[in-house]
């Protein structure tokens, strides 16, 4: 494995949800009627930087709203939380309050992060309100279908509401917790190899360490690890194949180094094969859903012709497969990736 400074587009365009994707979201009950939109939250007058415990800039800001508008927003956000968590049952928010709203102008979808607290016991939770982007929605759906993870979100016109994904940010884990004595280093390396394979197949890009989290589960005799993506903005947009291979990002070097130290070429191949087999099982069980998702993408712009051409040529070389030259869309490339995985598993 090697690492390098892979270049990412500074600003990916927001692709609106097309009619095909809208019908898909309605069919699979991902749509909803929200009491407020993303753009309502943009009506702030100024912001205050949010600093971490050590006084470092987090790139999040606290927007300041007029008192009357803040009350309306807080009420609407509580209703949205009830829709996200309990199908709209507002009893779950009777004792909850919106603690704070934070805004990040750094991301493509310029998200708002909402912290909600149960005032009876101070237990808190987060959720996100973002500008709806078709690329991101396809990423969330492919994560649901092709990974071992479930995702929970609601779409309504220009607004996307997402559940918070719990875990230790990948960059913080690699700096402070990766070498904890009780942790099996081989298990961590194994998970990174599997995560890398999932990204390559599903075309989930820009998985630098701060765009995924590490989830740690104590087992009866060891700890289990799972890497989960938390940012889907770069779902099959870029043309450079290495964007979809986490192993090449310099931010992920600690994971690459760990893999090189604890895994052999044979075990890496074994773990890649295990992940491909898991993907095949998931795709077969969700074959109707993935077909509907593919059909929804046919009339949906998700990248540029230049990027599609560059990526299909890059994957043709990477997999030594001339069939990639026939792909006309990013979802064609994903479909061919999956077909190739199915053929490999059968061998």
C-alpha atoms as a PDB file:
ATOM      1  CA  UNK A   1       0.000   0.000   0.000  1.00  0.00           C
ATOM      2  CA  UNK A   2       1.062   3.596  -0.540  1.00  0.00           C
ATOM      3  CA  UNK A   3      -0.271   7.026   0.373  1.00  0.00           C
ATOM      4  CA  UNK A   4      -0.255  10.303  -1.511  1.00  0.00           C
ATOM      5  CA  UNK A   5      -1.935  13.688  -1.593  1.00  0.00           C
ATOM      6  CA  UNK A   6      -5.023  12.810  -3.660  1.00  0.00           C
ATOM      7  CA  UNK A   7      -6.684  15.910  -5.091  1.00  0.00           C
ATOM      8  CA  UNK A   8     -10.417  16.510  -4.492  1.00  0.00           C
ATOM      9  CA  UNK A   9     -12.602  19.134  -6.184  1.00  0.00           C
ATOM     10  CA  UNK A  10     -12.719  22.154  -3.926  1.00  0.00           C
ATOM     11  CA  UNK A  11     -16.451  22.559  -4.424  1.00  0.00           C
ATOM     12  CA  UNK A  12     -18.686  19.834  -5.833  1.00  0.00           C
ATOM     13  CA  UNK A  13     -21.960  21.174  -7.275  1.00  0.00           C
ATOM     14  CA  UNK A  14     -25.227  20.376  -5.534  1.00  0.00           C
ATOM     15  CA  UNK A  15     -27.280  18.102  -7.788  1.00  0.00           C
ATOM     16  CA  UNK A  16     -31.048  18.499  -7.269  1.00  0.00           C
ATOM     17  CA  UNK A  17     -33.173  15.395  -6.793  1.00  0.00           C
ATOM     18  CA  UNK A  18     -34.627  14.306 -10.145  1.00  0.00           C
ATOM     19  CA  UNK A  19     -38.068  12.838 -10.743  1.00  0.00           C
ATOM     20  CA  UNK A  20     -36.775   9.254 -10.842  1.00  0.00           C
ATOM     21  CA  UNK A  21     -34.980   9.551  -7.516  1.00  0.00           C
ATOM     22  CA  UNK A  22     -37.978  11.311  -5.978  1.00  0.00           C
ATOM     23  CA  UNK A  23     -40.244   8.378  -6.933  1.00  0.00           C
ATOM     24  CA  UNK A  24     -37.682   5.969  -5.490  1.00  0.00           C
ATOM     25  CA  UNK A  25     -37.558   7.853  -2.178  1.00  0.00           C
ATOM     26  CA  UNK A  26     -41.339   7.856  -1.984  1.00  0.00           C
ATOM     27  CA  UNK A  27     -41.491   4.128  -2.762  1.00  0.00           C
ATOM     28  CA  UNK A  28     -39.034   3.251   0.003  1.00  0.00           C
ATOM     29  CA  UNK A  29     -40.535   5.746   2.485  1.00  0.00           C
ATOM     30  CA  UNK A  30     -37.524   8.017   2.702  1.00  0.00           C
ATOM     31  CA  UNK A  31     -39.592  11.136   2.055  1.00  0.00           C
ATOM     32  CA  UNK A  32     -41.553  13.198   4.559  1.00  0.00           C
ATOM     33  CA  UNK A  33     -43.273  16.525   5.133  1.00  0.00           C
ATOM     34  CA  UNK A  34     -41.025  18.593   7.358  1.00  0.00           C
ATOM     35  CA  UNK A  35     -42.330  21.611   9.294  1.00  0.00           C
ATOM     36  CA  UNK A  36     -39.373  23.728   8.147  1.00  0.00           C
ATOM     37  CA  UNK A  37     -36.651  23.668   5.508  1.00  0.00           C
ATOM     38  CA  UNK A  38     -32.885  23.875   5.435  1.00  0.00           C
ATOM     39  CA  UNK A  39     -33.114  27.433   4.141  1.00  0.00           C
ATOM     40  CA  UNK A  40     -35.134  28.546   7.172  1.00  0.00           C
ATOM     41  CA  UNK A  41     -32.045  27.846   9.264  1.00  0.00           C
ATOM     42  CA  UNK A  42     -29.973  30.187   7.090  1.00  0.00           C
ATOM     43  CA  UNK A  43     -31.826  33.228   8.434  1.00  0.00           C
ATOM     44  CA  UNK A  44     -29.210  34.014  11.064  1.00  0.00           C
ATOM     45  CA  UNK A  45     -27.627  37.423  11.508  1.00  0.00           C
ATOM     46  CA  UNK A  46     -24.117  36.453  12.569  1.00  0.00           C
ATOM     47  CA  UNK A  47     -22.133  33.491  13.913  1.00  0.00           C
ATOM     48  CA  UNK A  48     -19.707  32.737  16.731  1.00  0.00           C
ATOM     49  CA  UNK A  49     -16.863  30.219  16.208  1.00  0.00           C
ATOM     50  CA  UNK A  50     -17.144  26.903  18.078  1.00  0.00           C
ATOM     51  CA  UNK A  51     -13.895  25.892  19.787  1.00  0.00           C
ATOM     52  CA  UNK A  52     -12.995  22.466  21.165  1.00  0.00           C
ATOM     53  CA  UNK A  53     -11.874  21.746  24.746  1.00  0.00           C
ATOM     54  CA  UNK A  54      -8.297  22.694  23.867  1.00  0.00           C
ATOM     55  CA  UNK A  55      -9.287  25.985  22.267  1.00  0.00           C
ATOM     56  CA  UNK A  56      -8.841  24.816  18.672  1.00  0.00           C
ATOM     57  CA  UNK A  57     -11.167  25.929  15.894  1.00  0.00           C
ATOM     58  CA  UNK A  58     -13.624  23.129  15.009  1.00  0.00           C
ATOM     59  CA  UNK A  59     -14.754  24.803  11.738  1.00  0.00           C
ATOM     60  CA  UNK A  60     -18.282  24.861  13.185  1.00  0.00           C
ATOM     61  CA  UNK A  61     -20.037  28.107  14.099  1.00  0.00           C
ATOM     62  CA  UNK A  62     -22.990  28.963  16.322  1.00  0.00           C
ATOM     63  CA  UNK A  63     -25.537  31.013  14.337  1.00  0.00           C
ATOM     64  CA  UNK A  64     -27.342  33.790  16.218  1.00  0.00           C
ATOM     65  CA  UNK A  65     -31.073  34.233  15.514  1.00  0.00           C
ATOM     66  CA  UNK A  66     -33.590  36.875  16.637  1.00  0.00           C
ATOM     67  CA  UNK A  67     -35.461  35.545  19.736  1.00  0.00           C
ATOM     68  CA  UNK A  68     -38.846  35.159  18.021  1.00  0.00           C
ATOM     69  CA  UNK A  69     -37.303  33.269  15.089  1.00  0.00           C
ATOM     70  CA  UNK A  70     -35.227  31.067  17.397  1.00  0.00           C
ATOM     71  CA  UNK A  71     -38.365  29.900  19.217  1.00  0.00           C
ATOM     72  CA  UNK A  72     -40.012  28.938  15.915  1.00  0.00           C
ATOM     73  CA  UNK A  73     -36.916  27.095  14.717  1.00  0.00           C
ATOM     74  CA  UNK A  74     -36.481  25.202  17.990  1.00  0.00           C
ATOM     75  CA  UNK A  75     -40.100  24.043  17.893  1.00  0.00           C
ATOM     76  CA  UNK A  76     -39.791  22.904  14.274  1.00  0.00           C
ATOM     77  CA  UNK A  77     -36.542  21.066  15.002  1.00  0.00           C
ATOM     78  CA  UNK A  78     -38.173  19.129  17.843  1.00  0.00           C
ATOM     79  CA  UNK A  79     -40.926  17.984  15.461  1.00  0.00           C
ATOM     80  CA  UNK A  80     -38.281  16.963  12.894  1.00  0.00           C
ATOM     81  CA  UNK A  81     -36.461  14.920  15.547  1.00  0.00           C
ATOM     82  CA  UNK A  82     -39.732  13.129  16.360  1.00  0.00           C
ATOM     83  CA  UNK A  83     -40.218  12.361  12.649  1.00  0.00           C
ATOM     84  CA  UNK A  84     -36.658  11.045  12.349  1.00  0.00           C
ATOM     85  CA  UNK A  85     -36.713   8.903  15.487  1.00  0.00           C
ATOM     86  CA  UNK A  86     -40.332   7.918  16.081  1.00  0.00           C
ATOM     87  CA  UNK A  87     -42.300   8.315  12.836  1.00  0.00           C
ATOM     88  CA  UNK A  88     -43.641  11.657  14.045  1.00  0.00           C
ATOM     89  CA  UNK A  89     -44.739  10.621  17.548  1.00  0.00           C
ATOM     90  CA  UNK A  90     -44.199  13.922  19.384  1.00  0.00           C
ATOM     91  CA  UNK A  91     -44.476  12.326  22.838  1.00  0.00           C
ATOM     92  CA  UNK A  92     -40.775  11.491  22.629  1.00  0.00           C
ATOM     93  CA  UNK A  93     -39.887  15.215  22.559  1.00  0.00           C
ATOM     94  CA  UNK A  94     -42.169  16.401  25.352  1.00  0.00           C
ATOM     95  CA  UNK A  95     -39.225  16.551  27.763  1.00  0.00           C
ATOM     96  CA  UNK A  96     -36.568  17.469  25.214  1.00  0.00           C
ATOM     97  CA  UNK A  97     -35.111  20.863  24.429  1.00  0.00           C
ATOM     98  CA  UNK A  98     -32.923  22.102  21.591  1.00  0.00           C
ATOM     99  CA  UNK A  99     -29.634  22.889  23.298  1.00  0.00           C
ATOM    100  CA  UNK A 100     -27.843  24.454  20.357  1.00  0.00           C
ATOM    101  CA  UNK A 101     -27.588  24.788  16.596  1.00  0.00           C
ATOM    102  CA  UNK A 102     -24.197  24.698  14.894  1.00  0.00           C
ATOM    103  CA  UNK A 103     -23.387  25.549  11.279  1.00  0.00           C
ATOM    104  CA  UNK A 104     -20.492  24.434   9.064  1.00  0.00           C
ATOM    105  CA  UNK A 105     -19.826  26.511   5.949  1.00  0.00           C
ATOM    106  CA  UNK A 106     -16.868  24.224   5.200  1.00  0.00           C
ATOM    107  CA  UNK A 107     -18.833  21.252   3.791  1.00  0.00           C
ATOM    108  CA  UNK A 108     -20.441  20.962   0.360  1.00  0.00           C
ATOM    109  CA  UNK A 109     -23.957  20.810   1.785  1.00  0.00           C
ATOM    110  CA  UNK A 110     -23.169  23.406   4.506  1.00  0.00           C
ATOM    111  CA  UNK A 111     -24.786  21.329   7.257  1.00  0.00           C
ATOM    112  CA  UNK A 112     -26.444  22.330  10.489  1.00  0.00           C
ATOM    113  CA  UNK A 113     -25.757  20.119  13.503  1.00  0.00           C
ATOM    114  CA  UNK A 114     -28.517  20.099  16.102  1.00  0.00           C
ATOM    115  CA  UNK A 115     -27.958  19.059  19.723  1.00  0.00           C
ATOM    116  CA  UNK A 116     -31.131  17.986  21.550  1.00  0.00           C
ATOM    117  CA  UNK A 117     -31.231  17.196  25.273  1.00  0.00           C
ATOM    118  CA  UNK A 118     -33.655  15.330  27.541  1.00  0.00           C
ATOM    119  CA  UNK A 119     -34.077  17.787  30.410  1.00  0.00           C
ATOM    120  CA  UNK A 120     -35.091  14.990  32.825  1.00  0.00           C
ATOM    121  CA  UNK A 121     -31.715  13.227  32.700  1.00  0.00           C
ATOM    122  CA  UNK A 122     -29.433  15.400  30.512  1.00  0.00           C
ATOM    123  CA  UNK A 123     -29.011  12.627  27.910  1.00  0.00           C
ATOM    124  CA  UNK A 124     -28.307  14.286  24.579  1.00  0.00           C
ATOM    125  CA  UNK A 125     -28.374  13.361  20.898  1.00  0.00           C
ATOM    126  CA  UNK A 126     -27.457  15.000  17.610  1.00  0.00           C
ATOM    127  CA  UNK A 127     -29.000  15.147  14.157  1.00  0.00           C
ATOM    128  CA  UNK A 128     -28.196  17.076  10.990  1.00  0.00           C
ATOM    129  CA  UNK A 129     -30.137  19.305   8.625  1.00  0.00           C
ATOM    130  CA  UNK A 130     -28.543  19.702   5.191  1.00  0.00           C
ATOM    131  CA  UNK A 131     -29.248  20.977   1.728  1.00  0.00           C
ATOM    132  CA  UNK A 132     -30.588  18.060  -0.307  1.00  0.00           C
ATOM    133  CA  UNK A 133     -28.040  16.719  -2.783  1.00  0.00           C
ATOM    134  CA  UNK A 134     -28.788  13.787  -5.098  1.00  0.00           C
ATOM    135  CA  UNK A 135     -25.186  12.524  -4.920  1.00  0.00           C
ATOM    136  CA  UNK A 136     -25.339  12.337  -1.150  1.00  0.00           C
ATOM    137  CA  UNK A 137     -28.702  10.549  -1.200  1.00  0.00           C
ATOM    138  CA  UNK A 138     -27.324   7.912  -3.584  1.00  0.00           C
ATOM    139  CA  UNK A 139     -24.407   7.497  -1.194  1.00  0.00           C
ATOM    140  CA  UNK A 140     -26.743   6.988   1.755  1.00  0.00           C
ATOM    141  CA  UNK A 141     -28.787   4.440  -0.186  1.00  0.00           C
ATOM    142  CA  UNK A 142     -25.748   2.481  -1.343  1.00  0.00           C
ATOM    143  CA  UNK A 143     -24.472   2.482   2.243  1.00  0.00           C
ATOM    144  CA  UNK A 144     -27.794   0.961   3.309  1.00  0.00           C
ATOM    145  CA  UNK A 145     -27.703  -1.674   0.575  1.00  0.00           C
ATOM    146  CA  UNK A 146     -24.026  -2.600   0.241  1.00  0.00           C
ATOM    147  CA  UNK A 147     -22.563  -2.114   3.722  1.00  0.00           C
ATOM    148  CA  UNK A 148     -23.369  -3.759   7.063  1.00  0.00           C
ATOM    149  CA  UNK A 149     -24.685  -0.398   8.302  1.00  0.00           C
ATOM    150  CA  UNK A 150     -28.164   1.078   8.414  1.00  0.00           C
ATOM    151  CA  UNK A 151     -28.778   4.751   7.757  1.00  0.00           C
ATOM    152  CA  UNK A 152     -31.749   6.833   8.818  1.00  0.00           C
ATOM    153  CA  UNK A 153     -32.709  10.026   6.986  1.00  0.00           C
ATOM    154  CA  UNK A 154     -35.681  12.031   5.706  1.00  0.00           C
ATOM    155  CA  UNK A 155     -35.906  13.938   2.425  1.00  0.00           C
ATOM    156  CA  UNK A 156     -38.299  16.803   1.740  1.00  0.00           C
ATOM    157  CA  UNK A 157     -37.832  18.985  -1.360  1.00  0.00           C
ATOM    158  CA  UNK A 158     -34.604  20.956  -0.763  1.00  0.00           C
ATOM    159  CA  UNK A 159     -33.917  19.536   2.707  1.00  0.00           C
ATOM    160  CA  UNK A 160     -32.169  16.412   3.980  1.00  0.00           C
ATOM    161  CA  UNK A 161     -32.298  15.389   7.654  1.00  0.00           C
ATOM    162  CA  UNK A 162     -29.843  12.748   8.843  1.00  0.00           C
ATOM    163  CA  UNK A 163     -29.380  10.775  12.027  1.00  0.00           C
ATOM    164  CA  UNK A 164     -26.095  11.189  13.890  1.00  0.00           C
ATOM    165  CA  UNK A 165     -23.655   8.297  13.341  1.00  0.00           C
ATOM    166  CA  UNK A 166     -21.976   7.470  16.635  1.00  0.00           C
ATOM    167  CA  UNK A 167     -18.256   6.741  16.772  1.00  0.00           C
ATOM    168  CA  UNK A 168     -14.774   8.103  17.348  1.00  0.00           C
ATOM    169  CA  UNK A 169     -13.612  10.281  14.415  1.00  0.00           C
ATOM    170  CA  UNK A 170     -11.048   8.314  12.434  1.00  0.00           C
ATOM    171  CA  UNK A 171      -8.321  10.956  12.764  1.00  0.00           C
ATOM    172  CA  UNK A 172      -8.732  11.211  16.550  1.00  0.00           C
ATOM    173  CA  UNK A 173      -8.763   7.421  16.885  1.00  0.00           C
ATOM    174  CA  UNK A 174      -5.508   7.056  14.941  1.00  0.00           C
ATOM    175  CA  UNK A 175      -3.796   9.753  17.005  1.00  0.00           C
ATOM    176  CA  UNK A 176      -4.893   8.784  20.488  1.00  0.00           C
ATOM    177  CA  UNK A 177      -6.532   5.356  20.743  1.00  0.00           C
ATOM    178  CA  UNK A 178      -5.345   3.108  17.937  1.00  0.00           C
ATOM    179  CA  UNK A 179      -2.509   1.619  19.999  1.00  0.00           C
ATOM    180  CA  UNK A 180      -4.500   1.046  23.193  1.00  0.00           C
ATOM    181  CA  UNK A 181      -2.963  -2.117  24.766  1.00  0.00           C
ATOM    182  CA  UNK A 182      -6.311  -3.934  24.962  1.00  0.00           C
ATOM    183  CA  UNK A 183      -6.995  -3.442  21.251  1.00  0.00           C
ATOM    184  CA  UNK A 184      -6.077  -6.137  18.760  1.00  0.00           C
ATOM    185  CA  UNK A 185      -4.146  -4.268  16.063  1.00  0.00           C
ATOM    186  CA  UNK A 186      -4.806  -6.962  13.482  1.00  0.00           C
ATOM    187  CA  UNK A 187      -8.563  -6.530  13.885  1.00  0.00           C
ATOM    188  CA  UNK A 188      -8.253  -2.788  13.249  1.00  0.00           C
ATOM    189  CA  UNK A 189      -6.129  -3.395  10.150  1.00  0.00           C
ATOM    190  CA  UNK A 190      -8.590  -6.017   8.926  1.00  0.00           C
ATOM    191  CA  UNK A 191     -11.485  -3.558   9.218  1.00  0.00           C
ATOM    192  CA  UNK A 192      -9.585  -0.893   7.277  1.00  0.00           C
ATOM    193  CA  UNK A 193      -8.953  -3.369   4.431  1.00  0.00           C
ATOM    194  CA  UNK A 194     -12.663  -4.248   4.312  1.00  0.00           C
ATOM    195  CA  UNK A 195     -13.697  -0.590   4.442  1.00  0.00           C
ATOM    196  CA  UNK A 196     -11.263   0.198   1.628  1.00  0.00           C
ATOM    197  CA  UNK A 197     -12.812  -2.560  -0.483  1.00  0.00           C
ATOM    198  CA  UNK A 198     -16.374  -1.315   0.101  1.00  0.00           C
ATOM    199  CA  UNK A 199     -15.432   2.208  -0.986  1.00  0.00           C
ATOM    200  CA  UNK A 200     -13.758   0.975  -4.182  1.00  0.00           C
ATOM    201  CA  UNK A 201     -16.838  -1.045  -5.179  1.00  0.00           C
ATOM    202  CA  UNK A 202     -19.546   1.461  -4.202  1.00  0.00           C
ATOM    203  CA  UNK A 203     -17.566   4.517  -5.427  1.00  0.00           C
ATOM    204  CA  UNK A 204     -17.698   6.302  -2.075  1.00  0.00           C
ATOM    205  CA  UNK A 205     -15.051   9.000  -2.365  1.00  0.00           C
ATOM    206  CA  UNK A 206     -12.965  11.203  -0.085  1.00  0.00           C
ATOM    207  CA  UNK A 207     -12.861   8.811   2.857  1.00  0.00           C
ATOM    208  CA  UNK A 208     -10.100  10.628   4.678  1.00  0.00           C
ATOM    209  CA  UNK A 209      -9.829   9.831   8.387  1.00  0.00           C
ATOM    210  CA  UNK A 210     -12.029  12.748   9.474  1.00  0.00           C
ATOM    211  CA  UNK A 211     -14.821  11.576   7.150  1.00  0.00           C
ATOM    212  CA  UNK A 212     -15.337   8.242   8.910  1.00  0.00           C
ATOM    213  CA  UNK A 213     -15.716   7.077  12.500  1.00  0.00           C
ATOM    214  CA  UNK A 214     -14.494   4.018  14.364  1.00  0.00           C
ATOM    215  CA  UNK A 215     -17.130   2.092  16.296  1.00  0.00           C
ATOM    216  CA  UNK A 216     -15.790  -0.158  19.053  1.00  0.00           C
ATOM    217  CA  UNK A 217     -17.853  -2.989  20.544  1.00  0.00           C
ATOM    218  CA  UNK A 218     -16.582  -5.043  23.502  1.00  0.00           C
ATOM    219  CA  UNK A 219     -17.016  -8.767  22.849  1.00  0.00           C
ATOM    220  CA  UNK A 220     -16.773 -11.567  25.419  1.00  0.00           C
ATOM    221  CA  UNK A 221     -13.035 -12.058  24.760  1.00  0.00           C
ATOM    222  CA  UNK A 222     -11.944  -9.081  22.630  1.00  0.00           C
ATOM    223  CA  UNK A 223     -12.987  -5.799  21.011  1.00  0.00           C
ATOM    224  CA  UNK A 224     -14.677  -5.652  17.615  1.00  0.00           C
ATOM    225  CA  UNK A 225     -14.120  -2.682  15.267  1.00  0.00           C
ATOM    226  CA  UNK A 226     -16.182  -1.210  12.470  1.00  0.00           C
ATOM    227  CA  UNK A 227     -15.395   1.800  10.305  1.00  0.00           C
ATOM    228  CA  UNK A 228     -18.441   3.808   9.253  1.00  0.00           C
ATOM    229  CA  UNK A 229     -18.541   6.568   6.677  1.00  0.00           C
ATOM    230  CA  UNK A 230     -20.148   9.795   7.892  1.00  0.00           C
ATOM    231  CA  UNK A 231     -19.714  11.971   4.795  1.00  0.00           C
ATOM    232  CA  UNK A 232     -21.331  11.029   1.487  1.00  0.00           C
ATOM    233  CA  UNK A 233     -20.821  14.304  -0.407  1.00  0.00           C
ATOM    234  CA  UNK A 234     -18.282  12.733  -2.767  1.00  0.00           C
ATOM    235  CA  UNK A 235     -20.393   9.772  -3.858  1.00  0.00           C
ATOM    236  CA  UNK A 236     -19.281   8.942  -7.435  1.00  0.00           C
ATOM    237  CA  UNK A 237     -18.510  12.482  -8.557  1.00  0.00           C
ATOM    238  CA  UNK A 238     -14.712  12.556  -9.015  1.00  0.00           C
ATOM    239  CA  UNK A 239     -12.905  11.045 -12.008  1.00  0.00           C
ATOM    240  CA  UNK A 240      -9.710   9.991 -10.247  1.00  0.00           C
ATOM    241  CA  UNK A 241     -10.034   6.307  -9.184  1.00  0.00           C
ATOM    242  CA  UNK A 242      -7.778   6.879  -6.156  1.00  0.00           C
ATOM    243  CA  UNK A 243     -10.417   9.172  -4.644  1.00  0.00           C
ATOM    244  CA  UNK A 244     -12.423   5.976  -3.984  1.00  0.00           C
ATOM    245  CA  UNK A 245      -9.477   4.153  -2.361  1.00  0.00           C
ATOM    246  CA  UNK A 246      -8.958   5.297   1.256  1.00  0.00           C
ATOM    247  CA  UNK A 247      -5.512   3.664   1.278  1.00  0.00           C
ATOM    248  CA  UNK A 248      -4.107   6.487  -0.881  1.00  0.00           C
ATOM    249  CA  UNK A 249      -4.998   9.428   1.373  1.00  0.00           C
ATOM    250  CA  UNK A 250      -2.136  10.737   3.470  1.00  0.00           C
ATOM    251  CA  UNK A 251      -4.589  11.323   6.340  1.00  0.00           C
ATOM    252  CA  UNK A 252      -5.081   7.537   6.484  1.00  0.00           C
ATOM    253  CA  UNK A 253      -1.388   6.672   6.695  1.00  0.00           C
ATOM    254  CA  UNK A 254      -1.652   5.356  10.315  1.00  0.00           C
ATOM    255  CA  UNK A 255      -4.198   2.767   9.100  1.00  0.00           C
ATOM    256  CA  UNK A 256      -2.075   1.864   6.072  1.00  0.00           C
ATOM    257  CA  UNK A 257       1.022   1.515   8.271  1.00  0.00           C
ATOM    258  CA  UNK A 258      -0.897  -0.684  10.717  1.00  0.00           C
ATOM    259  CA  UNK A 259      -2.063  -2.904   7.861  1.00  0.00           C
ATOM    260  CA  UNK A 260       1.447  -3.247   6.487  1.00  0.00           C
ATOM    261  CA  UNK A 261       2.775  -4.195   9.924  1.00  0.00           C
ATOM    262  CA  UNK A 262       0.108  -6.723  10.891  1.00  0.00           C
ATOM    263  CA  UNK A 263      -1.171  -8.194   7.627  1.00  0.00           C
ATOM    264  CA  UNK A 264       0.406 -10.194   4.851  1.00  0.00           C
ATOM    265  CA  UNK A 265      -0.515 -10.081   1.178  1.00  0.00           C
ATOM    266  CA  UNK A 266      -2.363 -13.366   1.678  1.00  0.00           C
ATOM    267  CA  UNK A 267      -4.463 -12.107   4.611  1.00  0.00           C
ATOM    268  CA  UNK A 268      -5.248  -8.836   2.815  1.00  0.00           C
ATOM    269  CA  UNK A 269      -6.547 -10.865  -0.139  1.00  0.00           C
ATOM    270  CA  UNK A 270      -8.565 -13.041   2.243  1.00  0.00           C
ATOM    271  CA  UNK A 271     -10.245 -10.041   3.915  1.00  0.00           C
ATOM    272  CA  UNK A 272     -10.999  -8.441   0.548  1.00  0.00           C
ATOM    273  CA  UNK A 273     -12.652 -11.676  -0.560  1.00  0.00           C
ATOM    274  CA  UNK A 274     -14.673 -11.828   2.673  1.00  0.00           C
ATOM    275  CA  UNK A 275     -15.978  -8.314   2.062  1.00  0.00           C
ATOM    276  CA  UNK A 276     -16.860  -9.080  -1.552  1.00  0.00           C
ATOM    277  CA  UNK A 277     -18.811 -12.145  -0.426  1.00  0.00           C
ATOM    278  CA  UNK A 278     -20.695 -10.037   2.119  1.00  0.00           C
ATOM    279  CA  UNK A 279     -21.545  -7.475  -0.557  1.00  0.00           C
ATOM    280  CA  UNK A 280     -22.858 -10.219  -2.839  1.00  0.00           C
ATOM    281  CA  UNK A 281     -25.171 -11.512  -0.080  1.00  0.00           C
ATOM    282  CA  UNK A 282     -26.458  -8.000   0.624  1.00  0.00           C
ATOM    283  CA  UNK A 283     -27.024  -7.172  -3.050  1.00  0.00           C
ATOM    284  CA  UNK A 284     -28.888 -10.442  -3.636  1.00  0.00           C
ATOM    285  CA  UNK A 285     -31.207  -9.825  -0.711  1.00  0.00           C
ATOM    286  CA  UNK A 286     -31.811  -6.242  -1.887  1.00  0.00           C
ATOM    287  CA  UNK A 287     -31.776  -6.933  -5.636  1.00  0.00           C
ATOM    288  CA  UNK A 288     -35.126  -5.229  -6.278  1.00  0.00           C
ATOM    289  CA  UNK A 289     -34.124  -2.152  -4.341  1.00  0.00           C
ATOM    290  CA  UNK A 290     -30.762  -1.781  -6.065  1.00  0.00           C
ATOM    291  CA  UNK A 291     -32.457  -2.227  -9.463  1.00  0.00           C
ATOM    292  CA  UNK A 292     -34.934   0.537  -8.580  1.00  0.00           C
ATOM    293  CA  UNK A 293     -32.059   2.744  -7.461  1.00  0.00           C
ATOM    294  CA  UNK A 294     -30.203   2.111 -10.717  1.00  0.00           C
ATOM    295  CA  UNK A 295     -33.314   2.894 -12.772  1.00  0.00           C
ATOM    296  CA  UNK A 296     -33.819   6.111 -10.791  1.00  0.00           C
ATOM    297  CA  UNK A 297     -30.328   7.263 -11.734  1.00  0.00           C
ATOM    298  CA  UNK A 298     -30.799   6.946 -15.495  1.00  0.00           C
ATOM    299  CA  UNK A 299     -32.145  10.470 -15.953  1.00  0.00           C
ATOM    300  CA  UNK A 300     -30.220  12.020 -13.044  1.00  0.00           C
ATOM    301  CA  UNK A 301     -27.031  14.025 -13.528  1.00  0.00           C
ATOM    302  CA  UNK A 302     -24.496  13.013 -10.872  1.00  0.00           C
ATOM    303  CA  UNK A 303     -21.147  14.026 -12.348  1.00  0.00           C
ATOM    304  CA  UNK A 304     -19.540  15.486 -15.467  1.00  0.00           C
ATOM    305  CA  UNK A 305     -18.873  13.676 -18.741  1.00  0.00           C
ATOM    306  CA  UNK A 306     -15.160  14.344 -18.250  1.00  0.00           C
ATOM    307  CA  UNK A 307     -15.156  12.709 -14.794  1.00  0.00           C
ATOM    308  CA  UNK A 308     -17.147   9.688 -16.012  1.00  0.00           C
ATOM    309  CA  UNK A 309     -14.723   9.165 -18.905  1.00  0.00           C
ATOM    310  CA  UNK A 310     -11.683   9.474 -16.623  1.00  0.00           C
ATOM    311  CA  UNK A 311     -13.110   7.080 -14.040  1.00  0.00           C
ATOM    312  CA  UNK A 312     -14.215   4.353 -16.455  1.00  0.00           C
ATOM    313  CA  UNK A 313     -10.763   4.414 -18.076  1.00  0.00           C
ATOM    314  CA  UNK A 314      -9.121   4.300 -14.648  1.00  0.00           C
ATOM    315  CA  UNK A 315     -11.225   1.361 -13.489  1.00  0.00           C
ATOM    316  CA  UNK A 316     -10.626  -0.458 -16.764  1.00  0.00           C
ATOM    317  CA  UNK A 317      -6.907  -0.316 -15.969  1.00  0.00           C
ATOM    318  CA  UNK A 318      -7.345  -1.058 -12.256  1.00  0.00           C
ATOM    319  CA  UNK A 319      -9.457  -4.177 -12.846  1.00  0.00           C
ATOM    320  CA  UNK A 320      -7.880  -5.032 -16.221  1.00  0.00           C
ATOM    321  CA  UNK A 321     -11.372  -5.139 -17.689  1.00  0.00           C
ATOM    322  CA  UNK A 322     -12.253  -3.510 -21.021  1.00  0.00           C
ATOM    323  CA  UNK A 323     -15.988  -3.646 -20.261  1.00  0.00           C
ATOM    324  CA  UNK A 324     -15.639  -0.427 -18.233  1.00  0.00           C
ATOM    325  CA  UNK A 325     -15.172   1.519 -21.467  1.00  0.00           C
ATOM    326  CA  UNK A 326     -18.855   0.834 -22.239  1.00  0.00           C
ATOM    327  CA  UNK A 327     -20.089   2.553 -19.036  1.00  0.00           C
ATOM    328  CA  UNK A 328     -21.976   5.771 -19.713  1.00  0.00           C
ATOM    329  CA  UNK A 329     -22.797   6.848 -16.154  1.00  0.00           C
ATOM    330  CA  UNK A 330     -21.304   6.595 -12.678  1.00  0.00           C
ATOM    331  CA  UNK A 331     -24.009   4.121 -11.696  1.00  0.00           C
ATOM    332  CA  UNK A 332     -23.046   1.968 -14.694  1.00  0.00           C
ATOM    333  CA  UNK A 333     -19.586   1.717 -13.162  1.00  0.00           C
ATOM    334  CA  UNK A 334     -21.022   0.743  -9.755  1.00  0.00           C
ATOM    335  CA  UNK A 335     -23.233  -1.868 -11.441  1.00  0.00           C
ATOM    336  CA  UNK A 336     -20.256  -3.343 -13.297  1.00  0.00           C
ATOM    337  CA  UNK A 337     -18.249  -3.359 -10.043  1.00  0.00           C
ATOM    338  CA  UNK A 338     -20.993  -5.408  -8.390  1.00  0.00           C
ATOM    339  CA  UNK A 339     -21.310  -7.798 -11.351  1.00  0.00           C
ATOM    340  CA  UNK A 340     -17.552  -8.371 -11.267  1.00  0.00           C
ATOM    341  CA  UNK A 341     -17.706  -9.098  -7.530  1.00  0.00           C
ATOM    342  CA  UNK A 342     -20.502 -11.634  -8.099  1.00  0.00           C
ATOM    343  CA  UNK A 343     -18.447 -13.368 -10.802  1.00  0.00           C
ATOM    344  CA  UNK A 344     -15.352 -13.466  -8.559  1.00  0.00           C
ATOM    345  CA  UNK A 345     -17.284 -14.953  -5.655  1.00  0.00           C
ATOM    346  CA  UNK A 346     -18.668 -17.698  -7.914  1.00  0.00           C
ATOM    347  CA  UNK A 347     -15.170 -18.704  -9.055  1.00  0.00           C
END
